[in-house]
């Protein structure tokens, strides 16, 4: 069975082939686990912020369409 090499592994290999070999082939844990955990937390936080921004953007567009429809309705009723 062939092993799948993930994109982060390619990046790790390009940065340091020995570190990739120690972690991926030998299975040794990284020495900077605290930094890795902090990076994962930062990525999760950023993902939540992006999701919230997307939701708020969609809500803003929906409110804009609603305001336009109400405005058209008011204008049509005024004539």
C-alpha atoms as a PDB file:
ATOM      1  CA  UNK A   1       0.000   0.000   0.000  1.00  0.00           C
ATOM      2  CA  UNK A   2       1.383   3.407  -0.974  1.00  0.00           C
ATOM      3  CA  UNK A   3       1.734   6.091   1.663  1.00  0.00           C
ATOM      4  CA  UNK A   4       0.022   9.433   1.031  1.00  0.00           C
ATOM      5  CA  UNK A   5       2.306  12.408   1.550  1.00  0.00           C
ATOM      6  CA  UNK A   6       0.387  15.487   2.709  1.00  0.00           C
ATOM      7  CA  UNK A   7       1.135  19.065   1.686  1.00  0.00           C
ATOM      8  CA  UNK A   8       2.407  20.017   5.146  1.00  0.00           C
ATOM      9  CA  UNK A   9       4.885  17.150   4.938  1.00  0.00           C
ATOM     10  CA  UNK A  10       6.237  18.510   1.657  1.00  0.00           C
ATOM     11  CA  UNK A  11       6.674  21.899   3.319  1.00  0.00           C
ATOM     12  CA  UNK A  12       8.393  20.298   6.276  1.00  0.00           C
ATOM     13  CA  UNK A  13      10.678  18.322   3.972  1.00  0.00           C
ATOM     14  CA  UNK A  14      11.617  21.441   1.991  1.00  0.00           C
ATOM     15  CA  UNK A  15      12.361  23.295   5.233  1.00  0.00           C
ATOM     16  CA  UNK A  16      14.328  20.435   6.800  1.00  0.00           C
ATOM     17  CA  UNK A  17      14.537  16.970   5.274  1.00  0.00           C
ATOM     18  CA  UNK A  18      16.006  15.516   8.469  1.00  0.00           C
ATOM     19  CA  UNK A  19      13.087  16.808  10.588  1.00  0.00           C
ATOM     20  CA  UNK A  20      10.634  15.307   8.107  1.00  0.00           C
ATOM     21  CA  UNK A  21      12.444  11.981   8.216  1.00  0.00           C
ATOM     22  CA  UNK A  22      12.569  11.909  12.019  1.00  0.00           C
ATOM     23  CA  UNK A  23       8.860  12.696  12.342  1.00  0.00           C
ATOM     24  CA  UNK A  24       7.326  10.915   9.366  1.00  0.00           C
ATOM     25  CA  UNK A  25       9.564   7.867   8.984  1.00  0.00           C
ATOM     26  CA  UNK A  26      10.900   7.295  12.494  1.00  0.00           C
ATOM     27  CA  UNK A  27       7.746   8.580  14.241  1.00  0.00           C
ATOM     28  CA  UNK A  28       9.590  10.756  16.750  1.00  0.00           C
ATOM     29  CA  UNK A  29       7.558  13.633  18.232  1.00  0.00           C
ATOM     30  CA  UNK A  30       8.498  17.219  17.489  1.00  0.00           C
ATOM     31  CA  UNK A  31      10.501  19.112  20.088  1.00  0.00           C
ATOM     32  CA  UNK A  32       8.344  22.233  19.721  1.00  0.00           C
ATOM     33  CA  UNK A  33       4.923  20.866  20.679  1.00  0.00           C
ATOM     34  CA  UNK A  34       3.892  24.084  22.479  1.00  0.00           C
ATOM     35  CA  UNK A  35       4.517  26.150  19.356  1.00  0.00           C
ATOM     36  CA  UNK A  36       2.626  23.648  17.211  1.00  0.00           C
ATOM     37  CA  UNK A  37      -0.344  23.732  19.607  1.00  0.00           C
ATOM     38  CA  UNK A  38      -0.307  27.542  19.592  1.00  0.00           C
ATOM     39  CA  UNK A  39      -0.229  27.557  15.786  1.00  0.00           C
ATOM     40  CA  UNK A  40      -3.147  25.135  15.574  1.00  0.00           C
ATOM     41  CA  UNK A  41      -5.151  27.282  18.009  1.00  0.00           C
ATOM     42  CA  UNK A  42      -4.371  30.396  15.973  1.00  0.00           C
ATOM     43  CA  UNK A  43      -5.527  28.677  12.771  1.00  0.00           C
ATOM     44  CA  UNK A  44      -8.766  27.533  14.427  1.00  0.00           C
ATOM     45  CA  UNK A  45      -9.387  31.073  15.725  1.00  0.00           C
ATOM     46  CA  UNK A  46      -8.719  32.538  12.284  1.00  0.00           C
ATOM     47  CA  UNK A  47     -11.084  30.005  10.707  1.00  0.00           C
ATOM     48  CA  UNK A  48     -13.862  31.034  13.106  1.00  0.00           C
ATOM     49  CA  UNK A  49     -13.230  34.706  12.309  1.00  0.00           C
ATOM     50  CA  UNK A  50     -13.419  34.030   8.564  1.00  0.00           C
ATOM     51  CA  UNK A  51     -16.659  32.074   9.006  1.00  0.00           C
ATOM     52  CA  UNK A  52     -18.158  34.883  11.081  1.00  0.00           C
ATOM     53  CA  UNK A  53     -17.135  37.489   8.505  1.00  0.00           C
ATOM     54  CA  UNK A  54     -18.704  35.437   5.714  1.00  0.00           C
ATOM     55  CA  UNK A  55     -21.936  35.038   7.689  1.00  0.00           C
ATOM     56  CA  UNK A  56     -22.100  38.775   8.444  1.00  0.00           C
ATOM     57  CA  UNK A  57     -21.405  39.599   4.797  1.00  0.00           C
ATOM     58  CA  UNK A  58     -24.267  37.369   3.662  1.00  0.00           C
ATOM     59  CA  UNK A  59     -26.550  38.914   6.283  1.00  0.00           C
ATOM     60  CA  UNK A  60     -25.621  42.405   5.066  1.00  0.00           C
ATOM     61  CA  UNK A  61     -26.471  41.485   1.465  1.00  0.00           C
ATOM     62  CA  UNK A  62     -29.793  39.971   2.572  1.00  0.00           C
ATOM     63  CA  UNK A  63     -30.662  43.137   4.498  1.00  0.00           C
ATOM     64  CA  UNK A  64     -29.685  45.263   1.510  1.00  0.00           C
ATOM     65  CA  UNK A  65     -31.992  43.266  -0.775  1.00  0.00           C
ATOM     66  CA  UNK A  66     -34.792  43.485   1.800  1.00  0.00           C
ATOM     67  CA  UNK A  67     -34.338  47.259   2.090  1.00  0.00           C
ATOM     68  CA  UNK A  68     -34.408  47.602  -1.710  1.00  0.00           C
ATOM     69  CA  UNK A  69     -37.598  45.544  -1.942  1.00  0.00           C
ATOM     70  CA  UNK A  70     -39.247  47.562   0.817  1.00  0.00           C
ATOM     71  CA  UNK A  71     -38.151  50.779  -0.868  1.00  0.00           C
ATOM     72  CA  UNK A  72     -39.578  49.655  -4.192  1.00  0.00           C
ATOM     73  CA  UNK A  73     -42.798  48.634  -2.495  1.00  0.00           C
ATOM     74  CA  UNK A  74     -43.088  51.997  -0.789  1.00  0.00           C
ATOM     75  CA  UNK A  75     -42.284  53.842  -4.012  1.00  0.00           C
ATOM     76  CA  UNK A  76     -44.827  51.793  -6.007  1.00  0.00           C
ATOM     77  CA  UNK A  77     -47.484  52.447  -3.326  1.00  0.00           C
ATOM     78  CA  UNK A  78     -46.722  56.165  -3.327  1.00  0.00           C
ATOM     79  CA  UNK A  79     -47.474  56.446  -7.066  1.00  0.00           C
END
